[in-house]
Amino acid sequence: MLSRCVPSSLRSSYSLIVARHLSLSASLAQQSKQQQVTDPIQQLFITKIREYNEKRKQTKDGLVDATPEVRKSLEDTLNKLKNAYGAESEDLLSVPKLDFKEPQIEIAIEKQAKEIIKKEMKITPEDIKKYTGPYGSWSPEYLARKEAERAEEQKKLDQKSPGVLPG
């Protein structure tokens, strides 16, 4: 009945759209079922992690199922580190607390500005003529090239016939 209502050009695309929607809805239904039922190995792993966490909370140094030899070895190693690095008062098992201060950039800039201002600058009129203009205009190569361009342009203007007006 649907085939009578839908033109033939849309029938193939319509069937493709319906197939895609069905496949998406089926995969979504499977995902929700998988989230409810977990893998037994995954469940065992999670249980073991929770047991370990409980055992770790019960000990004061955080070592789970540690023998006296392991505890003595840890203590000896920490004593060696304290003696080697001079950290008598610090706890070597905790993460160090770092305190960074903001750099005083303004002071350094003011100091450099004062040094620059103290320097005496002597500018001659030749320097002003030489260094004004676009970047690179003071180089001898640039000046020679500009002079050659002006001479070539003047030569072209001289070669034009005086009786013919442009345009």
N, C-alpha and C. Protein backbone atom coordinates (compact mmCIF):
# COMPACT_ATOMS: atom_id res chain seq x y z
N MET A 1 0.81 -1.18 0.00
CA MET A 1 0.00 0.00 0.00
C MET A 1 0.86 1.26 0.00
N LEU A 2 1.99 1.17 0.71
CA LEU A 2 2.92 2.30 0.75
C LEU A 2 3.53 2.54 -0.61
N SER A 3 3.73 1.47 -1.35
CA SER A 3 4.36 1.62 -2.66
C SER A 3 3.48 2.39 -3.62
N ARG A 4 2.18 2.41 -3.42
CA ARG A 4 1.29 3.17 -4.29
C ARG A 4 1.36 4.67 -3.99
N CYS A 5 1.57 5.00 -2.72
CA CYS A 5 1.57 6.42 -2.32
C CYS A 5 2.92 7.09 -2.59
N VAL A 6 4.00 6.35 -2.51
CA VAL A 6 5.34 6.92 -2.63
C VAL A 6 5.83 6.72 -4.06
N PRO A 7 6.33 7.77 -4.70
CA PRO A 7 6.84 7.63 -6.06
C PRO A 7 8.03 6.67 -6.09
N SER A 8 8.28 6.09 -7.23
CA SER A 8 9.32 5.07 -7.36
C SER A 8 10.71 5.62 -7.07
N SER A 9 10.95 6.89 -7.35
CA SER A 9 12.27 7.46 -7.09
C SER A 9 12.57 7.55 -5.60
N LEU A 10 11.55 7.66 -4.74
CA LEU A 10 11.76 7.78 -3.31
C LEU A 10 11.70 6.43 -2.60
N ARG A 11 11.22 5.37 -3.26
CA ARG A 11 11.08 4.08 -2.61
C ARG A 11 12.42 3.52 -2.13
N SER A 12 13.45 3.61 -2.98
CA SER A 12 14.75 3.05 -2.59
C SER A 12 15.35 3.82 -1.41
N SER A 13 15.25 5.12 -1.41
CA SER A 13 15.80 5.91 -0.31
C SER A 13 14.97 5.71 0.95
N TYR A 14 13.66 5.52 0.80
CA TYR A 14 12.81 5.30 1.96
C TYR A 14 13.17 3.99 2.65
N SER A 15 13.42 2.96 1.88
CA SER A 15 13.77 1.68 2.49
C SER A 15 15.13 1.77 3.19
N LEU A 16 16.05 2.56 2.65
CA LEU A 16 17.35 2.74 3.28
C LEU A 16 17.20 3.48 4.62
N ILE A 17 16.35 4.50 4.65
CA ILE A 17 16.13 5.26 5.88
C ILE A 17 15.51 4.37 6.96
N VAL A 18 14.52 3.57 6.58
CA VAL A 18 13.87 2.69 7.54
C VAL A 18 14.87 1.67 8.07
N ALA A 19 15.71 1.13 7.21
CA ALA A 19 16.71 0.14 7.65
C ALA A 19 17.70 0.77 8.63
N ARG A 20 18.11 1.99 8.38
CA ARG A 20 19.05 2.66 9.29
C ARG A 20 18.41 2.89 10.65
N HIS A 21 17.16 3.35 10.66
CA HIS A 21 16.48 3.60 11.93
C HIS A 21 16.31 2.31 12.73
N LEU A 22 15.99 1.24 12.06
CA LEU A 22 15.83 -0.04 12.75
C LEU A 22 17.15 -0.52 13.33
N SER A 23 18.23 -0.37 12.56
CA SER A 23 19.53 -0.84 13.06
C SER A 23 20.00 0.00 14.24
N LEU A 24 19.74 1.31 14.20
CA LEU A 24 20.12 2.17 15.32
C LEU A 24 19.32 1.85 16.57
N SER A 25 18.04 1.65 16.43
CA SER A 25 17.22 1.38 17.60
C SER A 25 17.58 0.02 18.20
N ALA A 26 17.94 -0.95 17.37
CA ALA A 26 18.33 -2.26 17.89
C ALA A 26 19.64 -2.16 18.67
N SER A 27 20.61 -1.41 18.15
CA SER A 27 21.89 -1.29 18.84
C SER A 27 21.73 -0.52 20.15
N LEU A 28 20.86 0.47 20.19
CA LEU A 28 20.61 1.21 21.43
C LEU A 28 19.96 0.32 22.48
N ALA A 29 19.06 -0.53 22.05
CA ALA A 29 18.41 -1.45 22.98
C ALA A 29 19.43 -2.42 23.57
N GLN A 30 20.37 -2.90 22.75
CA GLN A 30 21.39 -3.81 23.24
C GLN A 30 22.33 -3.11 24.23
N GLN A 31 22.65 -1.84 23.97
CA GLN A 31 23.55 -1.12 24.86
C GLN A 31 22.93 -0.96 26.25
N SER A 32 21.64 -0.67 26.32
CA SER A 32 21.02 -0.51 27.63
C SER A 32 21.01 -1.82 28.39
N LYS A 33 20.82 -2.96 27.70
CA LYS A 33 20.87 -4.26 28.36
C LYS A 33 22.28 -4.57 28.85
N GLN A 34 23.31 -4.18 28.08
CA GLN A 34 24.69 -4.45 28.46
C GLN A 34 25.09 -3.64 29.69
N GLN A 35 24.54 -2.47 29.83
CA GLN A 35 24.89 -1.64 30.98
C GLN A 35 24.32 -2.24 32.27
N GLN A 36 23.20 -2.91 32.17
CA GLN A 36 22.60 -3.52 33.35
C GLN A 36 23.35 -4.78 33.75
N VAL A 37 23.72 -5.60 32.80
CA VAL A 37 24.42 -6.86 33.07
C VAL A 37 25.90 -6.63 32.83
N THR A 38 26.72 -6.84 33.89
CA THR A 38 28.15 -6.62 33.73
C THR A 38 28.87 -7.95 33.56
N ASP A 39 30.04 -7.85 33.05
CA ASP A 39 30.89 -9.01 32.83
C ASP A 39 31.33 -9.56 34.19
N PRO A 40 31.31 -10.88 34.42
CA PRO A 40 31.70 -11.42 35.73
C PRO A 40 33.16 -11.13 36.08
N ILE A 41 34.03 -11.10 35.10
CA ILE A 41 35.44 -10.78 35.36
C ILE A 41 35.57 -9.32 35.78
N GLN A 42 34.82 -8.46 35.11
CA GLN A 42 34.84 -7.04 35.46
C GLN A 42 34.29 -6.85 36.88
N GLN A 43 33.25 -7.57 37.22
CA GLN A 43 32.67 -7.47 38.56
C GLN A 43 33.67 -7.95 39.62
N LEU A 44 34.39 -9.02 39.34
CA LEU A 44 35.41 -9.53 40.26
C LEU A 44 36.53 -8.51 40.45
N PHE A 45 36.94 -7.87 39.36
CA PHE A 45 37.99 -6.85 39.42
C PHE A 45 37.56 -5.68 40.30
N ILE A 46 36.35 -5.23 40.13
CA ILE A 46 35.84 -4.10 40.92
C ILE A 46 35.76 -4.49 42.39
N THR A 47 35.33 -5.71 42.68
CA THR A 47 35.26 -6.19 44.06
C THR A 47 36.64 -6.20 44.71
N LYS A 48 37.65 -6.68 43.99
CA LYS A 48 39.01 -6.73 44.52
C LYS A 48 39.55 -5.32 44.79
N ILE A 49 39.25 -4.40 43.91
CA ILE A 49 39.71 -3.01 44.12
C ILE A 49 39.08 -2.44 45.38
N ARG A 50 37.80 -2.70 45.59
CA ARG A 50 37.13 -2.19 46.79
C ARG A 50 37.68 -2.84 48.05
N GLU A 51 37.99 -4.13 48.01
CA GLU A 51 38.59 -4.81 49.16
C GLU A 51 39.97 -4.21 49.48
N TYR A 52 40.77 -3.98 48.45
CA TYR A 52 42.10 -3.40 48.64
C TYR A 52 41.99 -2.01 49.27
N ASN A 53 41.04 -1.23 48.80
CA ASN A 53 40.86 0.12 49.33
C ASN A 53 40.48 0.07 50.81
N GLU A 54 39.63 -0.86 51.21
CA GLU A 54 39.24 -1.00 52.61
C GLU A 54 40.45 -1.40 53.46
N LYS A 55 41.26 -2.35 52.97
CA LYS A 55 42.45 -2.78 53.72
C LYS A 55 43.44 -1.62 53.86
N ARG A 56 43.57 -0.83 52.82
CA ARG A 56 44.51 0.29 52.85
C ARG A 56 44.08 1.34 53.86
N LYS A 57 42.78 1.56 53.99
CA LYS A 57 42.28 2.53 54.96
C LYS A 57 42.53 2.06 56.40
N GLN A 58 42.58 0.76 56.61
CA GLN A 58 42.77 0.22 57.96
C GLN A 58 44.22 0.35 58.44
N THR A 59 45.19 0.45 57.52
CA THR A 59 46.59 0.60 57.93
C THR A 59 46.94 2.07 58.02
N LYS A 60 47.90 2.41 58.91
CA LYS A 60 48.24 3.83 59.03
C LYS A 60 49.28 4.29 58.02
N ASP A 61 50.13 3.39 57.51
CA ASP A 61 51.14 3.80 56.53
C ASP A 61 50.70 3.51 55.09
N GLY A 62 49.56 2.87 54.89
CA GLY A 62 49.05 2.64 53.54
C GLY A 62 49.56 1.39 52.88
N LEU A 63 50.41 0.61 53.56
CA LEU A 63 50.94 -0.62 52.99
C LEU A 63 49.99 -1.77 53.34
N VAL A 64 49.45 -2.42 52.33
CA VAL A 64 48.50 -3.52 52.53
C VAL A 64 49.28 -4.83 52.54
N ASP A 65 48.99 -5.67 53.54
CA ASP A 65 49.61 -6.99 53.68
C ASP A 65 51.14 -6.92 53.65
N ALA A 66 51.69 -5.90 54.30
CA ALA A 66 53.15 -5.74 54.32
C ALA A 66 53.75 -6.52 55.49
N THR A 67 54.85 -7.17 55.23
CA THR A 67 55.56 -7.91 56.26
C THR A 67 56.48 -6.97 57.02
N PRO A 68 56.96 -7.36 58.20
CA PRO A 68 57.89 -6.49 58.94
C PRO A 68 59.16 -6.19 58.15
N GLU A 69 59.61 -7.15 57.32
CA GLU A 69 60.82 -6.90 56.51
C GLU A 69 60.57 -5.78 55.50
N VAL A 70 59.39 -5.76 54.90
CA VAL A 70 59.06 -4.72 53.91
C VAL A 70 58.99 -3.36 54.59
N ARG A 71 58.37 -3.32 55.77
CA ARG A 71 58.28 -2.05 56.50
C ARG A 71 59.68 -1.55 56.91
N LYS A 72 60.55 -2.46 57.36
CA LYS A 72 61.91 -2.07 57.74
C LYS A 72 62.69 -1.58 56.52
N SER A 73 62.51 -2.25 55.38
CA SER A 73 63.19 -1.84 54.16
C SER A 73 62.74 -0.44 53.73
N LEU A 74 61.45 -0.18 53.84
CA LEU A 74 60.93 1.15 53.50
C LEU A 74 61.51 2.21 54.42
N GLU A 75 61.55 1.91 55.71
CA GLU A 75 62.10 2.86 56.67
C GLU A 75 63.58 3.14 56.41
N ASP A 76 64.35 2.09 56.11
CA ASP A 76 65.77 2.27 55.80
C ASP A 76 65.97 3.12 54.55
N THR A 77 65.18 2.85 53.53
CA THR A 77 65.29 3.63 52.29
C THR A 77 64.95 5.09 52.52
N LEU A 78 63.90 5.35 53.29
CA LEU A 78 63.53 6.75 53.59
C LEU A 78 64.62 7.44 54.40
N ASN A 79 65.24 6.73 55.33
CA ASN A 79 66.34 7.33 56.11
C ASN A 79 67.52 7.67 55.21
N LYS A 80 67.83 6.78 54.26
CA LYS A 80 68.92 7.06 53.32
C LYS A 80 68.62 8.32 52.50
N LEU A 81 67.37 8.43 52.03
CA LEU A 81 66.99 9.61 51.23
C LEU A 81 67.05 10.88 52.07
N LYS A 82 66.59 10.79 53.31
CA LYS A 82 66.63 11.98 54.18
C LYS A 82 68.06 12.42 54.42
N ASN A 83 68.96 11.46 54.63
CA ASN A 83 70.37 11.81 54.85
C ASN A 83 71.02 12.33 53.58
N ALA A 84 70.68 11.76 52.43
CA ALA A 84 71.30 12.17 51.17
C ALA A 84 70.85 13.57 50.75
N TYR A 85 69.59 13.90 50.98
CA TYR A 85 69.06 15.18 50.51
C TYR A 85 68.82 16.17 51.63
N GLY A 86 69.11 15.82 52.85
CA GLY A 86 68.96 16.75 53.96
C GLY A 86 67.51 17.10 54.26
N ALA A 87 66.61 16.17 54.08
CA ALA A 87 65.19 16.42 54.31
C ALA A 87 64.78 15.79 55.64
N GLU A 88 65.33 16.29 56.72
CA GLU A 88 65.05 15.69 58.04
C GLU A 88 63.61 15.92 58.47
N SER A 89 63.08 17.10 58.23
CA SER A 89 61.76 17.42 58.76
C SER A 89 60.63 17.09 57.79
N GLU A 90 60.94 16.84 56.55
CA GLU A 90 59.88 16.62 55.55
C GLU A 90 59.52 15.15 55.44
N ASP A 91 58.27 14.90 55.10
CA ASP A 91 57.80 13.55 54.85
C ASP A 91 58.05 13.24 53.38
N LEU A 92 58.88 12.24 53.08
CA LEU A 92 59.25 11.94 51.70
C LEU A 92 58.18 11.17 50.94
N LEU A 93 57.19 10.65 51.62
CA LEU A 93 56.13 9.91 50.92
C LEU A 93 55.01 10.82 50.42
N SER A 94 54.93 12.03 50.92
CA SER A 94 53.87 12.94 50.49
C SER A 94 54.36 13.79 49.32
N VAL A 95 53.43 14.30 48.56
CA VAL A 95 53.75 15.15 47.42
C VAL A 95 54.18 16.51 47.95
N PRO A 96 55.29 17.04 47.48
CA PRO A 96 55.75 18.34 48.01
C PRO A 96 54.79 19.47 47.61
N LYS A 97 54.68 20.42 48.49
CA LYS A 97 53.82 21.57 48.23
C LYS A 97 54.70 22.66 47.61
N LEU A 98 54.36 23.02 46.39
CA LEU A 98 55.15 24.02 45.66
C LEU A 98 54.44 25.36 45.73
N ASP A 99 55.22 26.40 45.96
CA ASP A 99 54.66 27.75 46.05
C ASP A 99 55.42 28.64 45.08
N PHE A 100 54.75 29.05 44.02
CA PHE A 100 55.37 29.90 43.01
C PHE A 100 54.89 31.33 43.20
N LYS A 101 55.82 32.25 43.14
CA LYS A 101 55.48 33.67 43.26
C LYS A 101 55.44 34.28 41.87
N GLU A 102 54.58 35.26 41.71
CA GLU A 102 54.48 35.97 40.44
C GLU A 102 55.75 36.79 40.22
N PRO A 103 56.31 36.75 39.03
CA PRO A 103 57.52 37.54 38.78
C PRO A 103 57.19 39.04 38.76
N GLN A 104 58.15 39.82 39.19
CA GLN A 104 57.99 41.26 39.24
C GLN A 104 58.43 41.87 37.91
N ILE A 105 57.58 41.75 36.90
CA ILE A 105 57.92 42.20 35.56
C ILE A 105 57.97 43.73 35.49
N GLU A 106 57.05 44.38 36.18
CA GLU A 106 56.99 45.84 36.11
C GLU A 106 58.29 46.48 36.60
N ILE A 107 58.87 45.92 37.64
CA ILE A 107 60.12 46.47 38.19
C ILE A 107 61.25 46.32 37.16
N ALA A 108 61.32 45.18 36.52
CA ALA A 108 62.37 44.95 35.53
C ALA A 108 62.20 45.88 34.33
N ILE A 109 60.96 46.09 33.91
CA ILE A 109 60.71 46.98 32.76
C ILE A 109 61.08 48.41 33.11
N GLU A 110 60.71 48.86 34.31
CA GLU A 110 61.05 50.22 34.72
C GLU A 110 62.56 50.41 34.79
N LYS A 111 63.26 49.41 35.27
CA LYS A 111 64.73 49.49 35.37
C LYS A 111 65.35 49.61 33.99
N GLN A 112 64.88 48.80 33.04
CA GLN A 112 65.42 48.87 31.68
C GLN A 112 65.06 50.21 31.02
N ALA A 113 63.86 50.70 31.27
CA ALA A 113 63.46 51.98 30.68
C ALA A 113 64.34 53.11 31.22
N LYS A 114 64.66 53.08 32.51
CA LYS A 114 65.52 54.11 33.08
C LYS A 114 66.91 54.06 32.46
N GLU A 115 67.44 52.86 32.21
CA GLU A 115 68.75 52.72 31.59
C GLU A 115 68.74 53.27 30.16
N ILE A 116 67.66 53.03 29.44
CA ILE A 116 67.57 53.53 28.07
C ILE A 116 67.46 55.04 28.05
N ILE A 117 66.70 55.59 28.99
CA ILE A 117 66.51 57.04 29.04
C ILE A 117 67.82 57.74 29.41
N LYS A 118 68.64 57.11 30.24
CA LYS A 118 69.90 57.72 30.66
C LYS A 118 70.88 57.87 29.50
N LYS A 119 70.78 57.00 28.50
CA LYS A 119 71.72 57.06 27.38
C LYS A 119 71.41 58.31 26.55
N GLU A 120 72.47 58.99 26.16
CA GLU A 120 72.31 60.20 25.36
C GLU A 120 72.32 59.81 23.89
N MET A 121 71.35 60.32 23.17
CA MET A 121 71.26 60.03 21.74
C MET A 121 71.57 61.30 20.97
N LYS A 122 72.40 61.15 19.96
CA LYS A 122 72.74 62.28 19.10
C LYS A 122 72.23 61.96 17.71
N ILE A 123 71.31 62.78 17.24
CA ILE A 123 70.74 62.59 15.91
C ILE A 123 71.09 63.82 15.08
N THR A 124 71.69 63.55 13.95
CA THR A 124 72.07 64.64 13.03
C THR A 124 71.01 64.76 11.94
N PRO A 125 70.96 65.89 11.25
CA PRO A 125 70.00 66.02 10.14
C PRO A 125 70.23 64.99 9.04
N GLU A 126 71.48 64.56 8.85
CA GLU A 126 71.76 63.52 7.85
C GLU A 126 71.11 62.19 8.24
N ASP A 127 71.13 61.91 9.56
CA ASP A 127 70.48 60.68 10.03
C ASP A 127 68.98 60.73 9.78
N ILE A 128 68.40 61.89 10.00
CA ILE A 128 66.95 62.01 9.79
C ILE A 128 66.62 61.80 8.32
N LYS A 129 67.39 62.41 7.42
CA LYS A 129 67.16 62.22 5.99
C LYS A 129 67.40 60.77 5.58
N LYS A 130 68.43 60.17 6.17
CA LYS A 130 68.82 58.82 5.78
C LYS A 130 67.80 57.78 6.25
N TYR A 131 67.27 57.95 7.46
CA TYR A 131 66.43 56.91 8.05
C TYR A 131 64.93 57.18 7.98
N THR A 132 64.49 58.22 7.36
CA THR A 132 63.05 58.43 7.20
C THR A 132 62.60 57.78 5.90
N GLY A 133 61.38 57.35 5.86
CA GLY A 133 60.86 56.68 4.68
C GLY A 133 60.52 55.23 4.99
N PRO A 134 60.14 54.49 3.96
CA PRO A 134 59.76 53.09 4.20
C PRO A 134 60.96 52.27 4.65
N TYR A 135 60.65 51.12 5.23
CA TYR A 135 61.69 50.25 5.76
C TYR A 135 62.65 49.83 4.64
N GLY A 136 63.93 49.95 4.88
CA GLY A 136 64.94 49.55 3.91
C GLY A 136 65.30 50.66 2.94
N SER A 137 64.62 51.81 3.03
CA SER A 137 64.89 52.88 2.06
C SER A 137 66.25 53.53 2.28
N TRP A 138 66.91 53.28 3.37
CA TRP A 138 68.21 53.88 3.63
C TRP A 138 69.37 53.02 3.12
N SER A 139 69.06 51.81 2.65
CA SER A 139 70.15 50.96 2.17
C SER A 139 70.63 51.44 0.80
N PRO A 140 71.92 51.32 0.50
CA PRO A 140 72.46 51.78 -0.79
C PRO A 140 71.86 51.00 -1.96
N GLU A 141 71.55 49.72 -1.77
CA GLU A 141 70.96 48.93 -2.86
C GLU A 141 69.58 49.46 -3.21
N TYR A 142 68.81 49.81 -2.17
CA TYR A 142 67.46 50.32 -2.39
C TYR A 142 67.53 51.66 -3.12
N LEU A 143 68.42 52.52 -2.69
CA LEU A 143 68.53 53.84 -3.33
C LEU A 143 68.98 53.71 -4.78
N ALA A 144 69.92 52.80 -5.06
CA ALA A 144 70.40 52.60 -6.44
C ALA A 144 69.27 52.05 -7.31
N ARG A 145 68.47 51.11 -6.78
CA ARG A 145 67.37 50.52 -7.55
C ARG A 145 66.30 51.58 -7.84
N LYS A 146 65.99 52.41 -6.86
CA LYS A 146 64.98 53.46 -7.06
C LYS A 146 65.46 54.47 -8.11
N GLU A 147 66.73 54.81 -8.04
CA GLU A 147 67.28 55.75 -9.02
C GLU A 147 67.22 55.16 -10.42
N ALA A 148 67.52 53.86 -10.56
CA ALA A 148 67.45 53.20 -11.87
C ALA A 148 66.01 53.17 -12.37
N GLU A 149 65.05 52.93 -11.50
CA GLU A 149 63.63 52.92 -11.89
C GLU A 149 63.18 54.31 -12.36
N ARG A 150 63.62 55.34 -11.66
CA ARG A 150 63.26 56.71 -12.06
C ARG A 150 63.85 57.05 -13.43
N ALA A 151 65.12 56.65 -13.66
CA ALA A 151 65.77 56.94 -14.94
C ALA A 151 65.07 56.18 -16.07
N GLU A 152 64.67 54.93 -15.83
CA GLU A 152 63.97 54.14 -16.86
C GLU A 152 62.60 54.73 -17.16
N GLU A 153 61.92 55.20 -16.13
CA GLU A 153 60.60 55.81 -16.34
C GLU A 153 60.72 57.12 -17.12
N GLN A 154 61.75 57.89 -16.82
CA GLN A 154 61.98 59.14 -17.54
C GLN A 154 62.31 58.86 -19.00
N LYS A 155 63.08 57.81 -19.27
CA LYS A 155 63.44 57.43 -20.63
C LYS A 155 62.19 57.06 -21.42
N LYS A 156 61.25 56.33 -20.80
CA LYS A 156 60.00 55.94 -21.46
C LYS A 156 59.16 57.16 -21.79
N LEU A 157 59.14 58.11 -20.86
CA LEU A 157 58.36 59.33 -21.11
C LEU A 157 58.97 60.16 -22.24
N ASP A 158 60.29 60.19 -22.33
CA ASP A 158 60.96 60.93 -23.38
C ASP A 158 60.74 60.30 -24.75
N GLN A 159 60.57 58.99 -24.82
CA GLN A 159 60.40 58.29 -26.09
C GLN A 159 58.99 58.45 -26.67
N LYS A 160 58.02 58.77 -25.85
CA LYS A 160 56.65 58.94 -26.35
C LYS A 160 56.60 60.17 -27.25
N SER A 161 55.76 60.05 -28.27
CA SER A 161 55.64 61.20 -29.18
C SER A 161 54.83 62.30 -28.50
N PRO A 162 55.26 63.56 -28.65
CA PRO A 162 54.60 64.65 -27.93
C PRO A 162 53.21 64.98 -28.47
N GLY A 163 52.87 64.59 -29.70
CA GLY A 163 51.59 64.97 -30.28
C GLY A 163 50.44 64.05 -29.92
N VAL A 164 50.69 62.91 -29.38
CA VAL A 164 49.64 61.94 -29.10
C VAL A 164 49.27 62.02 -27.62
N LEU A 165 47.98 62.22 -27.41
CA LEU A 165 47.50 62.28 -26.03
C LEU A 165 47.01 60.90 -25.60
N PRO A 166 47.24 60.53 -24.41
CA PRO A 166 46.78 59.21 -23.95
C PRO A 166 45.27 59.17 -23.84
N GLY A 167 44.67 57.98 -24.11
CA GLY A 167 43.26 57.74 -23.91
C GLY A 167 42.46 58.10 -25.03
